[in-house]
Amino acid sequence: MFATYRKLWRREPILRRILAVSLLADIAFGALIPFVNFYLSDELKAPPHVTGFAFAGYLAVEALFKAPFGALSDRWGRKTVMLLGLSLTVIATLMLGFVSAHYAVMLLFPLAGVGFAAFFPTIAAFVADYAPEEHRGGMMGILNLSYLTGLGISAAVGFLLHYQAGTYRHAFFVTAGLLTLAGVLALLMLPASKERHLTGSTQGVVSSPFRRRFVRLSALSRPVLILATIFAVGQFAASMQVPVIVPYAKQVLRLTDLEMGVGIALGAGALALVAIPIGRLSDDIGHETALRLALLSATVALFSFPFVRSLIVLVAFGLLVGFAWLLAFPAALALVSEVVTEQERGAAVGLIYGGQGLGAIAGAPFGGILAELTMTLTNSKVVGLRVPFLVGAFALFLAFLLTFWLSRELAKRPVEQDDLE
């Protein structure tokens, strides 16, 4: 496993600089997103529908702006758009640190989404610009490594700060500081877009002589839109859990803040160790197959979760969900970067990320409303908190079925003329 990291590090030194910037942003993201949930649910005692709509607003903004920012990065350059996004999020998080009414948080939180909408799709496209096609899933795994490491660090530090000070508000100021540092490093360490080397078929990618090369499509082609839909449905399933995961962990599983913090940190650390090898697995078995396997695994885990009583089995299913995400994310980004033209790569990656946001717009409030409605009808809080897991599993299975339509559409692409000769 460590040999995989050493090889990648030596072959692609640009990854070290990308990882430094991405890691700081992901620590900030990990400090902000979960702790807004805790801040609203636990500290401000906001009802589940408020938390749901806060996250829906945040993710709605992301969904609206990710594709446009991705397209802008194709025109203005990756670095310019990343710096713009980091600056916007710093401003938003500083403002969040000075409010205490839950409706004010609900209104300000989406402002941070504008900045993240510019940053995350753009850095993914940046990695794709430097990744050879045959290793692209593995190199995309660097983003998972960054995210999980950042999540583990931010969870441990955030819960420790809350334990010492009794408030989650520190997360907002930590976020602003980390994003500022990420912006400075991006400015100093990352090359301008005009210096990036392109790795598509027009640039002479080294590939197997037995592998057919297909004509590149536009960002608005049917396969890209289907893949964005798959991500939308998958994120719908995941976001349904946002309003209920904290109450479920505390009231059903009886976990404390400290136990949740340690669990998140350890789980994120374990998954981070295998992020790049799992990304490379998608290169080995094929990106379409990897996406299908990931969605099926997540379906089984989410469906089983509310029926399990053993903490060890719960951890195992949680790791299975993590494995599914580690496999699906680089596979999808690698696939879409192979399908579209070089000139529209940022826009296509933005559409995939935007699909996630659209699913979250519906998923977060739907999960909260579904939980509250079920509690009212059954007069059972436990049943209400479990139902979103089951509905989420059904949504993931629908996403799994959509992958077969995706494969069918991809098979219709014309082959490049020189491969027919």
Protein backbone atom coordinates (compact mmCIF):
# COMPACT_ATOMS: atom_id res chain seq x y z
CA MET A 1 0.00 0.00 0.00
CA PHE A 2 2.73 2.47 0.95
CA ALA A 3 4.62 1.54 -2.21
CA THR A 4 1.62 2.87 -4.15
CA TYR A 5 1.97 6.23 -2.44
CA ARG A 6 5.73 6.39 -2.98
CA LYS A 7 5.42 5.63 -6.69
CA LEU A 8 2.72 8.24 -7.21
CA TRP A 9 4.64 10.83 -5.22
CA ARG A 10 7.80 10.34 -7.28
CA ARG A 11 6.03 10.21 -10.64
CA GLU A 12 3.75 13.22 -10.08
CA PRO A 13 5.45 15.82 -7.80
CA ILE A 14 2.66 18.33 -8.52
CA LEU A 15 0.49 16.18 -6.25
CA ARG A 16 2.44 17.33 -3.20
CA ARG A 17 1.49 20.93 -3.84
CA ILE A 18 -2.11 20.09 -4.69
CA LEU A 19 -2.36 17.99 -1.52
CA ALA A 20 -1.08 20.85 0.67
CA VAL A 21 -3.72 23.26 -0.64
CA SER A 22 -6.50 20.69 -0.72
CA LEU A 23 -5.74 19.41 2.79
CA LEU A 24 -6.01 22.86 4.37
CA ALA A 25 -9.29 23.51 2.55
CA ASP A 26 -10.65 20.10 3.58
CA ILE A 27 -9.74 20.63 7.24
CA ALA A 28 -11.64 23.90 7.03
CA PHE A 29 -14.55 22.22 5.26
CA GLY A 30 -14.55 19.46 7.89
CA ALA A 31 -14.60 22.04 10.65
CA LEU A 32 -17.45 24.02 9.11
CA ILE A 33 -19.97 21.56 7.65
CA PRO A 34 -20.45 19.04 10.50
CA PHE A 35 -20.23 21.67 13.20
CA VAL A 36 -22.90 23.84 11.62
CA ASN A 37 -25.07 20.75 12.09
CA PHE A 38 -23.99 20.37 15.72
CA TYR A 39 -24.25 24.13 16.32
CA LEU A 40 -27.83 24.23 15.05
CA SER A 41 -29.06 20.90 16.45
CA ASP A 42 -27.23 20.76 19.76
CA GLU A 43 -26.26 24.26 20.83
CA LEU A 44 -29.03 26.42 19.34
CA LYS A 45 -31.68 23.65 19.73
CA ALA A 46 -33.00 24.22 16.22
CA PRO A 47 -35.74 21.77 15.10
CA PRO A 48 -34.80 19.21 12.43
CA HIS A 49 -36.56 21.06 9.60
CA VAL A 50 -34.45 24.19 10.25
CA THR A 51 -31.25 22.13 10.04
CA GLY A 52 -32.55 20.47 6.91
CA PHE A 53 -33.38 23.73 5.17
CA ALA A 54 -30.06 25.29 6.24
CA PHE A 55 -28.17 22.51 4.51
CA ALA A 56 -30.57 22.56 1.57
CA GLY A 57 -29.88 26.26 1.09
CA TYR A 58 -26.14 25.73 1.32
CA LEU A 59 -26.18 22.87 -1.17
CA ALA A 60 -28.63 24.66 -3.46
CA VAL A 61 -26.10 27.44 -3.86
CA GLU A 62 -23.40 24.86 -4.55
CA ALA A 63 -25.60 23.16 -7.14
CA LEU A 64 -26.28 26.45 -8.91
CA PHE A 65 -22.70 27.68 -8.99
CA LYS A 66 -20.51 24.58 -9.43
CA ALA A 67 -21.06 24.12 -13.15
CA PRO A 68 -20.68 27.85 -13.96
CA PHE A 69 -17.51 28.08 -11.86
CA GLY A 70 -16.21 24.92 -13.55
CA ALA A 71 -16.83 26.52 -16.93
CA LEU A 72 -15.15 29.73 -15.76
CA SER A 73 -12.08 27.73 -14.75
CA ASP A 74 -11.86 26.50 -18.36
CA ARG A 75 -11.75 30.14 -19.48
CA TRP A 76 -10.06 32.07 -16.63
CA GLY A 77 -7.76 29.32 -15.37
CA ARG A 78 -8.02 26.90 -12.45
CA LYS A 79 -5.89 28.95 -10.07
CA THR A 80 -7.89 32.17 -10.47
CA VAL A 81 -11.22 30.49 -9.74
CA MET A 82 -9.80 28.58 -6.75
CA LEU A 83 -8.51 31.80 -5.18
CA LEU A 84 -11.85 33.50 -5.79
CA GLY A 85 -13.69 30.65 -4.07
CA LEU A 86 -11.38 30.61 -1.05
CA SER A 87 -11.78 34.39 -0.61
CA LEU A 88 -15.59 34.20 -0.67
CA THR A 89 -15.69 31.41 1.91
CA VAL A 90 -13.36 33.27 4.29
CA ILE A 91 -15.75 36.23 4.29
CA ALA A 92 -18.79 34.00 4.86
CA THR A 93 -17.30 32.01 7.74
CA LEU A 94 -16.15 35.12 9.57
CA MET A 95 -19.72 36.44 9.41
CA LEU A 96 -21.07 33.12 10.74
CA GLY A 97 -18.83 33.42 13.78
CA PHE A 98 -20.69 36.48 15.02
CA VAL A 99 -24.32 35.30 14.86
CA SER A 100 -26.24 33.13 17.32
CA ALA A 101 -29.84 33.00 16.05
CA HIS A 102 -30.54 29.76 14.21
CA TYR A 103 -32.41 31.53 11.40
CA ALA A 104 -29.40 33.83 10.88
CA VAL A 105 -27.15 30.77 10.54
CA MET A 106 -29.66 29.25 8.12
CA LEU A 107 -29.45 32.36 5.92
CA LEU A 108 -25.67 32.94 6.12
CA PHE A 109 -24.52 29.34 5.75
CA PRO A 110 -25.33 29.20 1.99
CA LEU A 111 -22.95 32.11 1.40
CA ALA A 112 -20.07 29.79 2.29
CA GLY A 113 -21.39 27.42 -0.36
CA VAL A 114 -20.62 29.92 -3.11
CA GLY A 115 -16.92 29.80 -2.29
CA PHE A 116 -16.79 26.02 -1.93
CA ALA A 117 -18.68 25.74 -5.25
CA ALA A 118 -15.79 27.52 -6.91
CA PHE A 119 -13.00 25.65 -5.13
CA PHE A 120 -13.83 21.93 -5.10
CA PRO A 121 -14.78 21.26 -8.75
CA THR A 122 -11.87 23.41 -9.89
CA ILE A 123 -9.22 21.56 -7.90
CA ALA A 124 -10.67 18.26 -9.16
CA ALA A 125 -10.33 19.50 -12.74
CA PHE A 126 -6.80 20.65 -11.85
CA VAL A 127 -5.88 17.09 -10.82
CA ALA A 128 -7.46 15.70 -14.00
CA ASP A 129 -5.35 18.11 -16.07
CA TYR A 130 -2.19 16.47 -14.73
CA ALA A 131 -3.33 12.83 -14.54
CA PRO A 132 -2.60 10.32 -17.32
CA GLU A 133 -5.79 8.47 -18.24
CA GLU A 134 -4.47 5.08 -17.18
CA HIS A 135 -3.72 6.41 -13.66
CA ARG A 136 -6.46 9.00 -13.33
CA GLY A 137 -8.59 7.14 -10.78
CA GLY A 138 -5.58 6.71 -8.51
CA MET A 139 -4.60 10.35 -8.82
CA MET A 140 -8.17 11.44 -8.18
CA GLY A 141 -7.85 9.43 -4.97
CA ILE A 142 -5.57 12.19 -3.70
CA LEU A 143 -8.71 14.26 -3.18
CA ASN A 144 -10.21 11.51 -1.03
CA LEU A 145 -6.97 11.25 0.94
CA SER A 146 -7.09 14.99 1.52
CA TYR A 147 -10.77 15.01 2.45
CA LEU A 148 -10.58 12.13 4.94
CA THR A 149 -7.38 13.36 6.55
CA GLY A 150 -8.90 16.81 6.86
CA LEU A 151 -12.10 15.38 8.29
CA GLY A 152 -10.21 13.37 10.90
CA ILE A 153 -8.10 16.35 11.98
CA SER A 154 -11.01 18.80 12.06
CA ALA A 155 -13.28 16.40 13.96
CA ALA A 156 -10.71 15.75 16.67
CA VAL A 157 -9.74 19.41 17.04
CA GLY A 158 -13.33 20.65 16.83
CA PHE A 159 -14.67 18.30 19.50
CA LEU A 160 -11.69 19.10 21.74
CA LEU A 161 -12.38 22.83 21.41
CA HIS A 162 -16.05 22.26 22.19
CA TYR A 163 -15.16 20.09 25.17
CA GLN A 164 -12.92 22.83 26.57
CA ALA A 165 -15.00 25.91 25.71
CA GLY A 166 -18.57 24.55 25.54
CA THR A 167 -19.35 26.02 22.11
CA TYR A 168 -19.00 25.03 18.47
CA ARG A 169 -18.51 28.64 17.35
CA HIS A 170 -14.72 28.30 17.25
CA ALA A 171 -15.08 26.18 14.12
CA PHE A 172 -16.03 29.24 12.08
CA PHE A 173 -12.87 31.17 13.00
CA VAL A 174 -10.66 28.10 12.53
CA THR A 175 -12.22 27.68 9.09
CA ALA A 176 -11.46 31.25 8.08
CA GLY A 177 -7.82 30.96 9.18
CA LEU A 178 -7.23 27.67 7.39
CA LEU A 179 -8.83 28.87 4.16
CA THR A 180 -6.68 32.00 4.23
CA LEU A 181 -3.56 29.85 4.54
CA ALA A 182 -4.80 27.58 1.72
CA GLY A 183 -5.21 30.64 -0.50
CA VAL A 184 -1.67 31.85 0.23
CA LEU A 185 -0.22 28.42 -0.60
CA ALA A 186 -2.28 28.17 -3.81
CA LEU A 187 -1.04 31.59 -4.88
CA LEU A 188 2.60 30.70 -4.24
CA MET A 189 2.78 26.97 -5.07
CA LEU A 190 0.35 26.12 -7.85
CA PRO A 191 1.15 26.90 -11.48
CA ALA A 192 -1.08 29.10 -13.58
CA SER A 193 -3.51 27.23 -15.81
CA LYS A 194 -1.68 28.29 -18.94
CA GLU A 195 1.28 26.20 -17.69
CA ARG A 196 -0.68 23.00 -17.14
CA HIS A 197 -0.10 20.07 -19.45
CA LEU A 198 -3.17 18.46 -20.96
CA THR A 199 -3.46 14.71 -20.98
CA GLY A 200 -6.26 13.91 -23.38
CA SER A 201 -6.17 12.08 -26.65
CA THR A 202 -5.00 15.18 -28.48
CA GLN A 203 -1.88 15.26 -26.32
CA GLY A 204 -0.64 11.79 -27.13
CA VAL A 205 -1.63 9.89 -24.03
CA VAL A 206 0.21 6.60 -23.76
CA SER A 207 -2.37 3.87 -23.66
CA SER A 208 -2.78 0.24 -24.53
CA PRO A 209 -2.62 -0.46 -28.29
CA PHE A 210 -5.61 -2.76 -27.84
CA ARG A 211 -7.77 -0.06 -26.22
CA ARG A 212 -10.11 1.79 -28.54
CA ARG A 213 -10.21 5.56 -28.27
CA PHE A 214 -13.62 7.19 -28.51
CA VAL A 215 -14.48 10.62 -29.84
CA ARG A 216 -14.70 13.16 -27.01
CA LEU A 217 -18.13 14.57 -26.17
CA SER A 218 -19.34 17.96 -24.96
CA ALA A 219 -20.01 18.69 -21.29
CA LEU A 220 -23.76 18.65 -21.99
CA SER A 221 -23.75 15.23 -23.65
CA ARG A 222 -26.16 12.54 -22.48
CA PRO A 223 -23.57 10.34 -20.66
CA VAL A 224 -22.39 13.32 -18.59
CA LEU A 225 -25.97 14.26 -17.71
CA ILE A 226 -26.74 10.65 -16.70
CA LEU A 227 -23.63 10.56 -14.51
CA ALA A 228 -24.68 13.86 -12.92
CA THR A 229 -28.12 12.32 -12.28
CA ILE A 230 -26.52 9.28 -10.62
CA PHE A 231 -24.61 11.58 -8.32
CA ALA A 232 -27.77 13.60 -7.65
CA VAL A 233 -29.71 10.49 -6.57
CA GLY A 234 -26.77 9.23 -4.50
CA GLN A 235 -26.39 12.56 -2.74
CA PHE A 236 -30.14 12.66 -2.14
CA ALA A 237 -29.74 9.41 -0.20
CA ALA A 238 -26.77 10.69 1.78
CA SER A 239 -28.25 14.11 2.57
CA MET A 240 -31.44 12.58 3.93
CA GLN A 241 -29.36 11.50 6.91
CA VAL A 242 -28.08 15.02 7.72
CA PRO A 243 -30.99 16.13 9.95
CA VAL A 244 -31.23 12.78 11.78
CA ILE A 245 -27.68 11.47 12.14
CA VAL A 246 -26.81 13.48 15.25
CA PRO A 247 -30.09 12.71 17.12
CA TYR A 248 -29.82 9.04 16.03
CA ALA A 249 -26.25 8.75 17.28
CA LYS A 250 -27.08 10.34 20.63
CA GLN A 251 -30.59 9.09 21.36
CA VAL A 252 -30.60 5.63 19.76
CA LEU A 253 -26.94 4.63 19.84
CA ARG A 254 -26.29 6.59 23.08
CA LEU A 255 -22.99 8.05 21.89
CA THR A 256 -21.40 11.11 23.50
CA ASP A 257 -19.79 14.03 21.68
CA LEU A 258 -16.34 12.73 22.60
CA GLU A 259 -17.13 9.21 21.38
CA MET A 260 -18.44 10.57 18.08
CA GLY A 261 -15.36 12.74 17.64
CA VAL A 262 -12.97 9.86 18.29
CA GLY A 263 -15.00 7.53 16.05
CA ILE A 264 -15.02 9.98 13.15
CA ALA A 265 -11.30 10.64 13.51
CA LEU A 266 -10.36 6.94 13.63
CA GLY A 267 -12.70 5.99 10.77
CA ALA A 268 -11.47 8.84 8.59
CA GLY A 269 -7.86 7.94 9.36
CA ALA A 270 -8.37 4.29 8.44
CA LEU A 271 -10.08 5.17 5.15
CA ALA A 272 -7.48 7.82 4.32
CA LEU A 273 -4.75 5.16 4.34
CA VAL A 274 -6.45 3.28 1.50
CA ALA A 275 -7.83 6.25 -0.46
CA ILE A 276 -5.33 6.15 -3.32
CA PRO A 277 -5.14 2.33 -3.58
CA ILE A 278 -8.94 2.20 -3.83
CA GLY A 279 -8.81 4.93 -6.46
CA ARG A 280 -6.32 2.81 -8.40
CA LEU A 281 -8.70 -0.14 -8.07
CA SER A 282 -11.14 1.82 -10.22
CA ASP A 283 -8.41 2.07 -12.87
CA ASP A 284 -7.84 -1.69 -12.72
CA ILE A 285 -11.45 -2.93 -12.83
CA GLY A 286 -12.84 -0.14 -15.00
CA HIS A 287 -14.50 3.07 -13.90
CA GLU A 288 -18.03 1.98 -14.84
CA THR A 289 -17.68 -1.30 -12.92
CA ALA A 290 -16.20 0.52 -9.95
CA LEU A 291 -19.11 2.96 -9.84
CA ARG A 292 -21.61 0.09 -9.98
CA LEU A 293 -19.85 -1.84 -7.19
CA ALA A 294 -19.69 1.25 -4.98
CA LEU A 295 -23.41 2.02 -5.27
CA LEU A 296 -24.43 -1.56 -4.57
CA SER A 297 -22.18 -1.73 -1.50
CA ALA A 298 -23.58 1.53 -0.13
CA THR A 299 -27.15 0.31 -0.72
CA VAL A 300 -26.58 -2.83 1.36
CA ALA A 301 -24.86 -0.90 4.16
CA LEU A 302 -27.47 1.86 4.45
CA PHE A 303 -30.37 -0.59 4.37
CA SER A 304 -28.79 -2.74 7.10
CA PHE A 305 -27.74 0.11 9.39
CA PRO A 306 -31.02 0.69 11.32
CA PHE A 307 -31.44 -3.04 12.08
CA VAL A 308 -28.02 -3.55 13.64
CA ARG A 309 -27.47 -3.44 17.40
CA SER A 310 -23.80 -4.42 17.64
CA LEU A 311 -21.45 -1.43 17.65
CA ILE A 312 -18.77 -3.47 15.88
CA VAL A 313 -21.14 -4.35 13.03
CA LEU A 314 -22.25 -0.72 12.81
CA VAL A 315 -18.62 0.33 12.44
CA ALA A 316 -18.16 -2.31 9.72
CA PHE A 317 -21.14 -0.98 7.75
CA GLY A 318 -19.87 2.56 8.23
CA LEU A 319 -16.51 1.54 6.76
CA LEU A 320 -18.35 -0.15 3.86
CA VAL A 321 -20.08 3.16 3.10
CA GLY A 322 -16.68 4.83 3.26
CA PHE A 323 -15.22 2.27 0.86
CA ALA A 324 -18.10 2.87 -1.54
CA TRP A 325 -17.49 6.61 -1.52
CA LEU A 326 -13.72 6.17 -1.97
CA LEU A 327 -14.40 4.00 -5.01
CA ALA A 328 -17.25 5.95 -6.61
CA PHE A 329 -15.84 9.47 -6.38
CA PRO A 330 -12.54 9.02 -8.29
CA ALA A 331 -14.15 6.57 -10.70
CA ALA A 332 -16.84 9.09 -11.69
CA LEU A 333 -14.43 12.02 -11.99
CA ALA A 334 -11.94 9.96 -13.99
CA LEU A 335 -14.73 8.71 -16.25
CA VAL A 336 -16.17 12.13 -17.00
CA SER A 337 -12.72 13.60 -17.66
CA GLU A 338 -12.12 10.86 -20.23
CA VAL A 339 -15.49 11.36 -21.94
CA VAL A 340 -15.46 15.13 -22.53
CA THR A 341 -13.17 17.38 -24.53
CA GLU A 342 -10.22 19.03 -22.78
CA GLN A 343 -11.73 22.48 -23.31
CA GLU A 344 -14.90 21.58 -21.35
CA ARG A 345 -13.41 19.43 -18.59
CA GLY A 346 -14.01 22.00 -15.85
CA ALA A 347 -17.64 22.45 -16.90
CA ALA A 348 -18.24 18.69 -16.94
CA VAL A 349 -16.68 18.18 -13.50
CA GLY A 350 -18.79 21.09 -12.28
CA LEU A 351 -21.93 19.37 -13.58
CA ILE A 352 -21.09 16.22 -11.61
CA TYR A 353 -20.55 18.22 -8.45
CA GLY A 354 -23.68 20.21 -9.24
CA GLY A 355 -25.66 16.98 -9.46
CA GLN A 356 -24.62 16.26 -5.90
CA GLY A 357 -25.94 19.62 -4.82
CA LEU A 358 -29.28 19.12 -6.53
CA GLY A 359 -29.73 15.80 -4.73
CA ALA A 360 -28.88 17.47 -1.45
CA ILE A 361 -31.41 20.24 -2.01
CA ALA A 362 -34.17 17.65 -1.94
CA GLY A 363 -32.52 15.14 0.40
CA ALA A 364 -31.76 17.26 3.45
CA PRO A 365 -35.22 18.79 4.02
CA PHE A 366 -36.95 15.59 2.87
CA GLY A 367 -35.04 13.59 5.48
CA GLY A 368 -35.98 16.00 8.26
CA ILE A 369 -39.65 16.24 7.24
CA LEU A 370 -39.89 12.46 6.76
CA ALA A 371 -38.46 11.85 10.23
CA GLU A 372 -40.84 14.32 11.87
CA LEU A 373 -43.87 12.97 9.97
CA THR A 374 -43.01 9.37 10.86
CA MET A 375 -42.58 10.32 14.52
CA THR A 376 -46.05 11.89 14.49
CA LEU A 377 -47.74 8.96 12.75
CA THR A 378 -46.05 6.21 14.79
CA ASN A 379 -45.63 8.13 18.04
CA SER A 380 -42.08 6.75 18.10
CA LYS A 381 -38.96 8.89 17.84
CA VAL A 382 -36.76 5.84 17.19
CA VAL A 383 -38.85 4.72 14.21
CA GLY A 384 -38.84 8.25 12.81
CA LEU A 385 -35.06 8.44 12.99
CA ARG A 386 -34.65 5.07 11.24
CA VAL A 387 -36.93 5.61 8.25
CA PRO A 388 -34.56 7.97 6.34
CA PHE A 389 -31.93 5.20 6.26
CA LEU A 390 -34.33 2.83 4.51
CA VAL A 391 -35.59 5.38 2.00
CA GLY A 392 -31.98 6.41 1.34
CA ALA A 393 -31.05 2.79 0.58
CA PHE A 394 -33.86 2.61 -2.00
CA ALA A 395 -32.56 5.80 -3.66
CA LEU A 396 -29.05 4.33 -3.86
CA PHE A 397 -30.44 1.23 -5.56
CA LEU A 398 -32.09 3.45 -8.19
CA ALA A 399 -28.71 5.11 -8.78
CA PHE A 400 -27.19 1.65 -9.20
CA LEU A 401 -29.75 0.83 -11.90
CA LEU A 402 -28.95 4.08 -13.72
CA THR A 403 -25.36 2.92 -14.21
CA PHE A 404 -26.57 0.37 -16.76
CA TRP A 405 -28.15 3.15 -18.82
CA LEU A 406 -24.87 5.06 -18.55
CA SER A 407 -22.92 2.10 -19.92
CA ARG A 408 -25.33 1.76 -22.80
CA GLU A 409 -24.93 5.41 -23.77
CA LEU A 410 -21.14 5.28 -23.47
CA ALA A 411 -21.06 2.29 -25.79
CA LYS A 412 -22.74 4.38 -28.51
CA ARG A 413 -19.79 6.79 -28.81
CA PRO A 414 -18.08 6.72 -32.21
CA VAL A 415 -14.52 5.44 -32.31
CA GLU A 416 -11.74 7.80 -33.41
CA GLN A 417 -10.95 7.46 -37.10
CA ASP A 418 -7.34 6.28 -36.70
CA ASP A 419 -8.54 3.37 -34.54
CA LEU A 420 -10.82 2.20 -37.35
CA GLU A 421 -8.03 2.02 -39.88
